[in-house]
Amino acid sequence: EYKGKPLVRSGNTIYYGDMNDPYVVCLSIKDSEELKNIT
């Protein structure tokens, strides 16, 4: 959770919010970079 709302990830897409609410936020990661052992 973030600020009391669920985060659900599927690949490079993250949905933020409750699907029972009228609205949610969709976050699509377009690119990424490696920093040591972290993406």
PDB file of all heavy atoms in Angstrom:
ATOM      1  N   GLU A   1       0.822  -1.207   0.000  1.00  0.00           N
ATOM      2  CA  GLU A   1       0.000   0.000   0.000  1.00  0.00           C
ATOM      3  C   GLU A   1       0.854   1.254   0.000  1.00  0.00           C
ATOM      4  O   GLU A   1       1.983   1.250   0.472  1.00  0.00           O
ATOM      5  CB  GLU A   1      -0.921   0.028   1.222  1.00  0.00           C
ATOM      6  CG  GLU A   1      -2.013  -0.999   1.169  1.00  0.00           C
ATOM      7  CD  GLU A   1      -3.011  -0.854   2.299  1.00  0.00           C
ATOM      8  OE1 GLU A   1      -2.786  -0.036   3.218  1.00  0.00           O
ATOM      9  OE2 GLU A   1      -4.023  -1.560   2.271  1.00  0.00           O
ATOM     10  N   TYR A   2       0.280   2.326  -0.534  1.00  0.00           N
ATOM     11  CA  TYR A   2       0.879   3.654  -0.497  1.00  0.00           C
ATOM     12  C   TYR A   2      -0.234   4.599  -0.128  1.00  0.00           C
ATOM     13  O   TYR A   2      -1.278   4.627  -0.784  1.00  0.00           O
ATOM     14  CB  TYR A   2       1.477   4.007  -1.866  1.00  0.00           C
ATOM     15  CG  TYR A   2       2.084   5.382  -1.942  1.00  0.00           C
ATOM     16  CD1 TYR A   2       3.269   5.673  -1.268  1.00  0.00           C
ATOM     17  CD2 TYR A   2       1.481   6.389  -2.672  1.00  0.00           C
ATOM     18  CE1 TYR A   2       3.836   6.930  -1.335  1.00  0.00           C
ATOM     19  CE2 TYR A   2       2.048   7.658  -2.746  1.00  0.00           C
ATOM     20  CZ  TYR A   2       3.209   7.919  -2.077  1.00  0.00           C
ATOM     21  OH  TYR A   2       3.775   9.170  -2.144  1.00  0.00           O
ATOM     22  N   LYS A   3      -0.049   5.328   0.959  1.00  0.00           N
ATOM     23  CA  LYS A   3      -1.050   6.258   1.475  1.00  0.00           C
ATOM     24  C   LYS A   3      -2.415   5.589   1.651  1.00  0.00           C
ATOM     25  O   LYS A   3      -3.451   6.159   1.341  1.00  0.00           O
ATOM     26  CB  LYS A   3      -1.166   7.484   0.570  1.00  0.00           C
ATOM     27  CG  LYS A   3       0.094   8.337   0.551  1.00  0.00           C
ATOM     28  CD  LYS A   3      -0.115   9.625  -0.203  1.00  0.00           C
ATOM     29  CE  LYS A   3       1.138  10.469  -0.134  1.00  0.00           C
ATOM     30  NZ  LYS A   3       0.975  11.756  -0.820  1.00  0.00           N
ATOM     31  N   GLY A   4      -2.395   4.336   2.112  1.00  0.00           N
ATOM     32  CA  GLY A   4      -3.631   3.628   2.435  1.00  0.00           C
ATOM     33  C   GLY A   4      -4.364   3.011   1.260  1.00  0.00           C
ATOM     34  O   GLY A   4      -5.436   2.447   1.425  1.00  0.00           O
ATOM     35  N   LYS A   5      -3.804   3.077   0.067  1.00  0.00           N
ATOM     36  CA  LYS A   5      -4.434   2.493  -1.122  1.00  0.00           C
ATOM     37  C   LYS A   5      -3.520   1.401  -1.676  1.00  0.00           C
ATOM     38  O   LYS A   5      -2.299   1.514  -1.648  1.00  0.00           O
ATOM     39  CB  LYS A   5      -4.649   3.557  -2.199  1.00  0.00           C
ATOM     40  CG  LYS A   5      -5.518   4.699  -1.749  1.00  0.00           C
ATOM     41  CD  LYS A   5      -6.822   4.650  -2.472  1.00  0.00           C
ATOM     42  CE  LYS A   5      -7.684   5.845  -2.119  1.00  0.00           C
ATOM     43  NZ  LYS A   5      -8.784   5.496  -1.299  1.00  0.00           N
ATOM     44  N   PRO A   6      -4.112   0.327  -2.229  1.00  0.00           N
ATOM     45  CA  PRO A   6      -3.298  -0.787  -2.725  1.00  0.00           C
ATOM     46  C   PRO A   6      -2.528  -0.471  -4.008  1.00  0.00           C
ATOM     47  O   PRO A   6      -2.978   0.318  -4.838  1.00  0.00           O
ATOM     48  CB  PRO A   6      -4.323  -1.898  -2.971  1.00  0.00           C
ATOM     49  CG  PRO A   6      -5.623  -1.226  -3.073  1.00  0.00           C
ATOM     50  CD  PRO A   6      -5.543   0.054  -2.302  1.00  0.00           C
ATOM     51  N   LEU A   7      -1.365  -1.104  -4.141  1.00  0.00           N
ATOM     52  CA  LEU A   7      -0.531  -1.053  -5.345  1.00  0.00           C
ATOM     53  C   LEU A   7      -0.481  -2.467  -5.909  1.00  0.00           C
ATOM     54  O   LEU A   7      -0.105  -3.403  -5.203  1.00  0.00           O
ATOM     55  CB  LEU A   7       0.889  -0.619  -5.003  1.00  0.00           C
ATOM     56  CG  LEU A   7       1.120   0.841  -4.679  1.00  0.00           C
ATOM     57  CD1 LEU A   7       2.462   1.025  -3.997  1.00  0.00           C
ATOM     58  CD2 LEU A   7       1.064   1.668  -5.949  1.00  0.00           C
ATOM     59  N   VAL A   8      -0.858  -2.628  -7.161  1.00  0.00           N
ATOM     60  CA  VAL A   8      -0.836  -3.937  -7.800  1.00  0.00           C
ATOM     61  C   VAL A   8       0.002  -3.831  -9.066  1.00  0.00           C
ATOM     62  O   VAL A   8      -0.262  -2.979  -9.911  1.00  0.00           O
ATOM     63  CB  VAL A   8      -2.262  -4.426  -8.144  1.00  0.00           C
ATOM     64  CG1 VAL A   8      -2.217  -5.782  -8.816  1.00  0.00           C
ATOM     65  CG2 VAL A   8      -3.124  -4.472  -6.901  1.00  0.00           C
ATOM     66  N   ARG A   9       1.006  -4.700  -9.177  1.00  0.00           N
ATOM     67  CA  ARG A   9       1.923  -4.643 -10.313  1.00  0.00           C
ATOM     68  C   ARG A   9       1.707  -5.826 -11.246  1.00  0.00           C
ATOM     69  O   ARG A   9       1.539  -6.959 -10.814  1.00  0.00           O
ATOM     70  CB  ARG A   9       3.362  -4.651  -9.813  1.00  0.00           C
ATOM     71  CG  ARG A   9       4.352  -4.627 -10.940  1.00  0.00           C
ATOM     72  CD  ARG A   9       5.755  -4.639 -10.434  1.00  0.00           C
ATOM     73  NE  ARG A   9       6.659  -4.685 -11.578  1.00  0.00           N
ATOM     74  CZ  ARG A   9       7.913  -5.029 -11.506  1.00  0.00           C
ATOM     75  NH1 ARG A   9       8.439  -5.354 -10.347  1.00  0.00           N
ATOM     76  NH2 ARG A   9       8.656  -5.059 -12.577  1.00  0.00           N
ATOM     77  N   SER A  10       1.756  -5.522 -12.539  1.00  0.00           N
ATOM     78  CA  SER A  10       1.728  -6.547 -13.572  1.00  0.00           C
ATOM     79  C   SER A  10       2.764  -6.147 -14.614  1.00  0.00           C
ATOM     80  O   SER A  10       2.520  -5.232 -15.409  1.00  0.00           O
ATOM     81  CB  SER A  10       0.339  -6.646 -14.201  1.00  0.00           C
ATOM     82  OG  SER A  10       0.356  -7.561 -15.272  1.00  0.00           O
ATOM     83  N   GLY A  11       3.926  -6.765 -14.572  1.00  0.00           N
ATOM     84  CA  GLY A  11       5.006  -6.398 -15.485  1.00  0.00           C
ATOM     85  C   GLY A  11       5.479  -4.981 -15.208  1.00  0.00           C
ATOM     86  O   GLY A  11       5.832  -4.649 -14.087  1.00  0.00           O
ATOM     87  N   ASN A  12       5.456  -4.132 -16.229  1.00  0.00           N
ATOM     88  CA  ASN A  12       5.880  -2.739 -16.077  1.00  0.00           C
ATOM     89  C   ASN A  12       4.707  -1.795 -15.836  1.00  0.00           C
ATOM     90  O   ASN A  12       4.840  -0.585 -16.010  1.00  0.00           O
ATOM     91  CB  ASN A  12       6.667  -2.286 -17.314  1.00  0.00           C
ATOM     92  CG  ASN A  12       8.063  -2.865 -17.331  1.00  0.00           C
ATOM     93  OD1 ASN A  12       8.595  -3.244 -16.299  1.00  0.00           O
ATOM     94  ND2 ASN A  12       8.651  -2.936 -18.496  1.00  0.00           N
ATOM     95  N   THR A  13       3.556  -2.330 -15.461  1.00  0.00           N
ATOM     96  CA  THR A  13       2.374  -1.523 -15.170  1.00  0.00           C
ATOM     97  C   THR A  13       2.001  -1.687 -13.706  1.00  0.00           C
ATOM     98  O   THR A  13       1.956  -2.803 -13.196  1.00  0.00           O
ATOM     99  CB  THR A  13       1.194  -1.947 -16.063  1.00  0.00           C
ATOM    100  OG1 THR A  13       1.589  -1.853 -17.426  1.00  0.00           O
ATOM    101  CG2 THR A  13      -0.017  -1.061 -15.823  1.00  0.00           C
ATOM    102  N   ILE A  14       1.740  -0.562 -13.050  1.00  0.00           N
ATOM    103  CA  ILE A  14       1.345  -0.572 -11.644  1.00  0.00           C
ATOM    104  C   ILE A  14       0.005   0.140 -11.531  1.00  0.00           C
ATOM    105  O   ILE A  14      -0.166   1.246 -12.060  1.00  0.00           O
ATOM    106  CB  ILE A  14       2.382   0.141 -10.757  1.00  0.00           C
ATOM    107  CG1 ILE A  14       3.737  -0.552 -10.870  1.00  0.00           C
ATOM    108  CG2 ILE A  14       1.909   0.198  -9.303  1.00  0.00           C
ATOM    109  CD1 ILE A  14       4.881   0.199 -10.227  1.00  0.00           C
ATOM    110  N   TYR A  15      -0.958  -0.495 -10.872  1.00  0.00           N
ATOM    111  CA  TYR A  15      -2.257   0.137 -10.617  1.00  0.00           C
ATOM    112  C   TYR A  15      -2.276   0.584  -9.170  1.00  0.00           C
ATOM    113  O   TYR A  15      -1.931  -0.183  -8.269  1.00  0.00           O
ATOM    114  CB  TYR A  15      -3.404  -0.829 -10.896  1.00  0.00           C
ATOM    115  CG  TYR A  15      -3.573  -1.105 -12.363  1.00  0.00           C
ATOM    116  CD1 TYR A  15      -2.954  -2.201 -12.963  1.00  0.00           C
ATOM    117  CD2 TYR A  15      -4.307  -0.247 -13.168  1.00  0.00           C
ATOM    118  CE1 TYR A  15      -3.081  -2.435 -14.318  1.00  0.00           C
ATOM    119  CE2 TYR A  15      -4.442  -0.475 -14.524  1.00  0.00           C
ATOM    120  CZ  TYR A  15      -3.836  -1.574 -15.089  1.00  0.00           C
ATOM    121  OH  TYR A  15      -3.952  -1.797 -16.431  1.00  0.00           O
ATOM    122  N   TYR A  16      -2.682   1.813  -8.960  1.00  0.00           N
ATOM    123  CA  TYR A  16      -2.747   2.392  -7.613  1.00  0.00           C
ATOM    124  C   TYR A  16      -4.187   2.775  -7.333  1.00  0.00           C
ATOM    125  O   TYR A  16      -4.795   3.546  -8.076  1.00  0.00           O
ATOM    126  CB  TYR A  16      -1.845   3.622  -7.522  1.00  0.00           C
ATOM    127  CG  TYR A  16      -2.004   4.400  -6.236  1.00  0.00           C
ATOM    128  CD1 TYR A  16      -1.659   3.836  -5.013  1.00  0.00           C
ATOM    129  CD2 TYR A  16      -2.511   5.687  -6.230  1.00  0.00           C
ATOM    130  CE1 TYR A  16      -1.813   4.533  -3.830  1.00  0.00           C
ATOM    131  CE2 TYR A  16      -2.666   6.389  -5.057  1.00  0.00           C
ATOM    132  CZ  TYR A  16      -2.310   5.804  -3.862  1.00  0.00           C
ATOM    133  OH  TYR A  16      -2.474   6.498  -2.685  1.00  0.00           O
ATOM    134  N   GLY A  17      -4.742   2.223  -6.269  1.00  0.00           N
ATOM    135  CA  GLY A  17      -6.112   2.527  -5.873  1.00  0.00           C
ATOM    136  C   GLY A  17      -6.938   1.257  -5.788  1.00  0.00           C
ATOM    137  O   GLY A  17      -6.518   0.180  -6.201  1.00  0.00           O
ATOM    138  N   ASP A  18      -8.121   1.418  -5.250  1.00  0.00           N
ATOM    139  CA  ASP A  18      -9.057   0.307  -5.062  1.00  0.00           C
ATOM    140  C   ASP A  18      -9.944   0.187  -6.294  1.00  0.00           C
ATOM    141  O   ASP A  18     -10.592   1.157  -6.685  1.00  0.00           O
ATOM    142  CB  ASP A  18      -9.906   0.573  -3.817  1.00  0.00           C
ATOM    143  CG  ASP A  18     -10.755  -0.607  -3.411  1.00  0.00           C
ATOM    144  OD1 ASP A  18     -10.989  -1.509  -4.241  1.00  0.00           O
ATOM    145  OD2 ASP A  18     -11.201  -0.624  -2.252  1.00  0.00           O
ATOM    146  N   MET A  19      -9.985  -0.978  -6.908  1.00  0.00           N
ATOM    147  CA  MET A  19     -10.795  -1.172  -8.115  1.00  0.00           C
ATOM    148  C   MET A  19     -12.290  -1.044  -7.833  1.00  0.00           C
ATOM    149  O   MET A  19     -13.083  -0.929  -8.763  1.00  0.00           O
ATOM    150  CB  MET A  19     -10.498  -2.537  -8.742  1.00  0.00           C
ATOM    151  CG  MET A  19      -9.111  -2.637  -9.353  1.00  0.00           C
ATOM    152  SD  MET A  19      -8.746  -1.374 -10.579  1.00  0.00           S
ATOM    153  CE  MET A  19      -9.605  -2.000 -12.001  1.00  0.00           C
ATOM    154  N   ASN A  20     -12.690  -1.049  -6.569  1.00  0.00           N
ATOM    155  CA  ASN A  20     -14.096  -0.834  -6.215  1.00  0.00           C
ATOM    156  C   ASN A  20     -14.450   0.651  -6.187  1.00  0.00           C
ATOM    157  O   ASN A  20     -15.626   1.004  -6.143  1.00  0.00           O
ATOM    158  CB  ASN A  20     -14.418  -1.472  -4.862  1.00  0.00           C
ATOM    159  CG  ASN A  20     -14.277  -2.979  -4.918  1.00  0.00           C
ATOM    160  OD1 ASN A  20     -14.676  -3.606  -5.889  1.00  0.00           O
ATOM    161  ND2 ASN A  20     -13.691  -3.560  -3.895  1.00  0.00           N
ATOM    162  N   ASP A  21     -13.450   1.522  -6.176  1.00  0.00           N
ATOM    163  CA  ASP A  21     -13.674   2.969  -6.246  1.00  0.00           C
ATOM    164  C   ASP A  21     -13.937   3.354  -7.698  1.00  0.00           C
ATOM    165  O   ASP A  21     -13.593   2.617  -8.614  1.00  0.00           O
ATOM    166  CB  ASP A  21     -12.443   3.732  -5.724  1.00  0.00           C
ATOM    167  CG  ASP A  21     -12.289   3.635  -4.215  1.00  0.00           C
ATOM    168  OD1 ASP A  21     -13.274   3.299  -3.534  1.00  0.00           O
ATOM    169  OD2 ASP A  21     -11.172   3.890  -3.721  1.00  0.00           O
ATOM    170  N   PRO A  22     -14.513   4.529  -7.933  1.00  0.00           N
ATOM    171  CA  PRO A  22     -14.788   4.930  -9.316  1.00  0.00           C
ATOM    172  C   PRO A  22     -13.552   5.257 -10.147  1.00  0.00           C
ATOM    173  O   PRO A  22     -13.619   5.296 -11.368  1.00  0.00           O
ATOM    174  CB  PRO A  22     -15.676   6.166  -9.174  1.00  0.00           C
ATOM    175  CG  PRO A  22     -15.754   6.503  -7.743  1.00  0.00           C
ATOM    176  CD  PRO A  22     -15.080   5.443  -6.963  1.00  0.00           C
ATOM    177  N   TYR A  23     -12.395   5.500  -9.494  1.00  0.00           N
ATOM    178  CA  TYR A  23     -11.181   5.885 -10.202  1.00  0.00           C
ATOM    179  C   TYR A  23      -9.962   5.149  -9.658  1.00  0.00           C
ATOM    180  O   TYR A  23      -9.913   4.823  -8.472  1.00  0.00           O
ATOM    181  CB  TYR A  23     -10.913   7.399 -10.052  1.00  0.00           C
ATOM    182  CG  TYR A  23     -12.079   8.250 -10.403  1.00  0.00           C
ATOM    183  CD1 TYR A  23     -12.941   8.721  -9.414  1.00  0.00           C
ATOM    184  CD2 TYR A  23     -12.342   8.596 -11.721  1.00  0.00           C
ATOM    185  CE1 TYR A  23     -14.032   9.503  -9.741  1.00  0.00           C
ATOM    186  CE2 TYR A  23     -13.436   9.382 -12.053  1.00  0.00           C
ATOM    187  CZ  TYR A  23     -14.274   9.826 -11.057  1.00  0.00           C
ATOM    188  OH  TYR A  23     -15.365  10.597 -11.383  1.00  0.00           O
ATOM    189  N   VAL A  24      -8.977   4.914 -10.522  1.00  0.00           N
ATOM    190  CA  VAL A  24      -7.666   4.385 -10.137  1.00  0.00           C
ATOM    191  C   VAL A  24      -6.604   5.101 -10.973  1.00  0.00           C
ATOM    192  O   VAL A  24      -6.926   5.775 -11.952  1.00  0.00           O
ATOM    193  CB  VAL A  24      -7.521   2.859 -10.343  1.00  0.00           C
ATOM    194  CG1 VAL A  24      -8.416   2.084  -9.420  1.00  0.00           C
ATOM    195  CG2 VAL A  24      -7.723   2.475 -11.778  1.00  0.00           C
ATOM    196  N   VAL A  25      -5.354   4.917 -10.584  1.00  0.00           N
ATOM    197  CA  VAL A  25      -4.233   5.474 -11.328  1.00  0.00           C
ATOM    198  C   VAL A  25      -3.454   4.313 -11.934  1.00  0.00           C
ATOM    199  O   VAL A  25      -3.191   3.313 -11.265  1.00  0.00           O
ATOM    200  CB  VAL A  25      -3.316   6.317 -10.410  1.00  0.00           C
ATOM    201  CG1 VAL A  25      -2.047   6.715 -11.124  1.00  0.00           C
ATOM    202  CG2 VAL A  25      -4.055   7.548  -9.918  1.00  0.00           C
ATOM    203  N   CYS A  26      -3.096   4.462 -13.200  1.00  0.00           N
ATOM    204  CA  CYS A  26      -2.291   3.472 -13.901  1.00  0.00           C
ATOM    205  C   CYS A  26      -0.928   4.091 -14.181  1.00  0.00           C
ATOM    206  O   CYS A  26      -0.835   5.159 -14.781  1.00  0.00           O
ATOM    207  CB  CYS A  26      -2.969   3.066 -15.212  1.00  0.00           C
ATOM    208  SG  CYS A  26      -2.001   1.907 -16.184  1.00  0.00           S
ATOM    209  N   LEU A  27       0.130   3.439 -13.717  1.00  0.00           N
ATOM    210  CA  LEU A  27       1.501   3.902 -13.930  1.00  0.00           C
ATOM    211  C   LEU A  27       2.193   2.905 -14.858  1.00  0.00           C
ATOM    212  O   LEU A  27       2.282   1.722 -14.535  1.00  0.00           O
ATOM    213  CB  LEU A  27       2.259   3.967 -12.605  1.00  0.00           C
ATOM    214  CG  LEU A  27       1.617   4.807 -11.505  1.00  0.00           C
ATOM    215  CD1 LEU A  27       2.198   4.455 -10.155  1.00  0.00           C
ATOM    216  CD2 LEU A  27       1.810   6.267 -11.794  1.00  0.00           C
ATOM    217  N   SER A  28       2.659   3.382 -16.003  1.00  0.00           N
ATOM    218  CA  SER A  28       3.356   2.522 -16.963  1.00  0.00           C
ATOM    219  C   SER A  28       4.819   2.934 -17.030  1.00  0.00           C
ATOM    220  O   SER A  28       5.126   4.068 -17.419  1.00  0.00           O
ATOM    221  CB  SER A  28       2.734   2.652 -18.352  1.00  0.00           C
ATOM    222  OG  SER A  28       1.387   2.257 -18.325  1.00  0.00           O
ATOM    223  N   ILE A  29       5.699   2.028 -16.662  1.00  0.00           N
ATOM    224  CA  ILE A  29       7.140   2.309 -16.686  1.00  0.00           C
ATOM    225  C   ILE A  29       7.634   2.119 -18.122  1.00  0.00           C
ATOM    226  O   ILE A  29       7.562   1.021 -18.662  1.00  0.00           O
ATOM    227  CB  ILE A  29       7.889   1.397 -15.701  1.00  0.00           C
ATOM    228  CG1 ILE A  29       7.361   1.616 -14.285  1.00  0.00           C
ATOM    229  CG2 ILE A  29       9.395   1.639 -15.784  1.00  0.00           C
ATOM    230  CD1 ILE A  29       7.832   0.610 -13.272  1.00  0.00           C
ATOM    231  N   LYS A  30       8.094   3.208 -18.718  1.00  0.00           N
ATOM    232  CA  LYS A  30       8.526   3.182 -20.120  1.00  0.00           C
ATOM    233  C   LYS A  30       9.960   2.696 -20.284  1.00  0.00           C
ATOM    234  O   LYS A  30      10.271   2.036 -21.259  1.00  0.00           O
ATOM    235  CB  LYS A  30       8.374   4.581 -20.749  1.00  0.00           C
ATOM    236  CG  LYS A  30       6.953   5.063 -20.792  1.00  0.00           C
ATOM    237  CD  LYS A  30       6.143   4.161 -21.677  1.00  0.00           C
ATOM    238  CE  LYS A  30       4.692   4.582 -21.692  1.00  0.00           C
ATOM    239  NZ  LYS A  30       3.848   3.628 -22.353  1.00  0.00           N
ATOM    240  N   ASP A  31      10.831   3.063 -19.375  1.00  0.00           N
ATOM    241  CA  ASP A  31      12.211   2.589 -19.428  1.00  0.00           C
ATOM    242  C   ASP A  31      12.788   2.528 -18.026  1.00  0.00           C
ATOM    243  O   ASP A  31      12.227   3.072 -17.090  1.00  0.00           O
ATOM    244  CB  ASP A  31      13.079   3.447 -20.348  1.00  0.00           C
ATOM    245  CG  ASP A  31      13.186   4.894 -19.908  1.00  0.00           C
ATOM    246  OD1 ASP A  31      13.029   5.176 -18.710  1.00  0.00           O
ATOM    247  OD2 ASP A  31      13.434   5.756 -20.758  1.00  0.00           O
ATOM    248  N   SER A  32      13.893   1.820 -17.910  1.00  0.00           N
ATOM    249  CA  SER A  32      14.539   1.678 -16.601  1.00  0.00           C
ATOM    250  C   SER A  32      16.044   1.600 -16.807  1.00  0.00           C
ATOM    251  O   SER A  32      16.525   1.380 -17.914  1.00  0.00           O
ATOM    252  CB  SER A  32      14.019   0.439 -15.877  1.00  0.00           C
ATOM    253  OG  SER A  32      14.237  -0.705 -16.646  1.00  0.00           O
ATOM    254  N   GLU A  33      16.764   1.793 -15.717  1.00  0.00           N
ATOM    255  CA  GLU A  33      18.231   1.719 -15.774  1.00  0.00           C
ATOM    256  C   GLU A  33      18.740   0.954 -14.553  1.00  0.00           C
ATOM    257  O   GLU A  33      18.093   0.910 -13.513  1.00  0.00           O
ATOM    258  CB  GLU A  33      18.844   3.118 -15.829  1.00  0.00           C
ATOM    259  CG  GLU A  33      18.496   4.004 -14.645  1.00  0.00           C
ATOM    260  CD  GLU A  33      19.012   5.417 -14.789  1.00  0.00           C
ATOM    261  OE1 GLU A  33      18.599   6.098 -15.730  1.00  0.00           O
ATOM    262  OE2 GLU A  33      19.834   5.809 -13.941  1.00  0.00           O
ATOM    263  N   GLU A  34      19.889   0.355 -14.710  1.00  0.00           N
ATOM    264  CA  GLU A  34      20.509  -0.416 -13.628  1.00  0.00           C
ATOM    265  C   GLU A  34      21.462   0.476 -12.837  1.00  0.00           C
ATOM    266  O   GLU A  34      22.244   1.227 -13.413  1.00  0.00           O
ATOM    267  CB  GLU A  34      21.290  -1.594 -14.197  1.00  0.00           C
ATOM    268  CG  GLU A  34      20.443  -2.651 -14.844  1.00  0.00           C
ATOM    269  CD  GLU A  34      19.595  -3.432 -13.871  1.00  0.00           C
ATOM    270  OE1 GLU A  34      20.051  -3.697 -12.743  1.00  0.00           O
ATOM    271  OE2 GLU A  34      18.464  -3.772 -14.238  1.00  0.00           O
ATOM    272  N   LEU A  35      21.382   0.395 -11.519  1.00  0.00           N
ATOM    273  CA  LEU A  35      22.307   1.082 -10.630  1.00  0.00           C
ATOM    274  C   LEU A  35      22.776   0.046  -9.617  1.00  0.00           C
ATOM    275  O   LEU A  35      22.002  -0.343  -8.736  1.00  0.00           O
ATOM    276  CB  LEU A  35      21.629   2.268  -9.934  1.00  0.00           C
ATOM    277  CG  LEU A  35      22.491   3.044  -8.954  1.00  0.00           C
ATOM    278  CD1 LEU A  35      23.625   3.752  -9.708  1.00  0.00           C
ATOM    279  CD2 LEU A  35      21.674   4.055  -8.194  1.00  0.00           C
ATOM    280  N   LYS A  36      23.996  -0.427  -9.802  1.00  0.00           N
ATOM    281  CA  LYS A  36      24.540  -1.543  -9.021  1.00  0.00           C
ATOM    282  C   LYS A  36      23.621  -2.745  -9.189  1.00  0.00           C
ATOM    283  O   LYS A  36      23.476  -3.247 -10.276  1.00  0.00           O
ATOM    284  CB  LYS A  36      24.764  -1.149  -7.568  1.00  0.00           C
ATOM    285  CG  LYS A  36      25.801  -0.055  -7.412  1.00  0.00           C
ATOM    286  CD  LYS A  36      26.134   0.201  -5.982  1.00  0.00           C
ATOM    287  CE  LYS A  36      27.159   1.335  -5.917  1.00  0.00           C
ATOM    288  NZ  LYS A  36      27.543   1.620  -4.562  1.00  0.00           N
ATOM    289  N   ASN A  37      22.945  -3.201  -8.149  1.00  0.00           N
ATOM    290  CA  ASN A  37      22.053  -4.360  -8.238  1.00  0.00           C
ATOM    291  C   ASN A  37      20.577  -3.977  -8.244  1.00  0.00           C
ATOM    292  O   ASN A  37      19.721  -4.827  -8.033  1.00  0.00           O
ATOM    293  CB  ASN A  37      22.317  -5.318  -7.071  1.00  0.00           C
ATOM    294  CG  ASN A  37      23.700  -5.916  -7.128  1.00  0.00           C
ATOM    295  OD1 ASN A  37      24.277  -6.019  -8.209  1.00  0.00           O
ATOM    296  ND2 ASN A  37      24.233  -6.306  -5.994  1.00  0.00           N
ATOM    297  N   ILE A  38      20.290  -2.699  -8.485  1.00  0.00           N
ATOM    298  CA  ILE A  38      18.912  -2.215  -8.410  1.00  0.00           C
ATOM    299  C   ILE A  38      18.466  -1.698  -9.775  1.00  0.00           C
ATOM    300  O   ILE A  38      19.215  -1.029 -10.468  1.00  0.00           O
ATOM    301  CB  ILE A  38      18.790  -1.082  -7.370  1.00  0.00           C
ATOM    302  CG1 ILE A  38      19.196  -1.578  -5.984  1.00  0.00           C
ATOM    303  CG2 ILE A  38      17.374  -0.536  -7.320  1.00  0.00           C
ATOM    304  CD1 ILE A  38      19.284  -0.487  -4.958  1.00  0.00           C
ATOM    305  N   THR A  39      17.234  -2.012 -10.152  1.00  0.00           N
ATOM    306  CA  THR A  39      16.655  -1.472 -11.370  1.00  0.00           C
ATOM    307  C   THR A  39      15.798  -0.273 -10.995  1.00  0.00           C
ATOM    308  O   THR A  39      14.869  -0.391 -10.190  1.00  0.00           O
ATOM    309  CB  THR A  39      15.784  -2.524 -12.081  1.00  0.00           C
ATOM    310  OG1 THR A  39      16.581  -3.682 -12.332  1.00  0.00           O
ATOM    311  CG2 THR A  39      15.244  -1.992 -13.389  1.00  0.00           C
TER     312      THR A  39
END
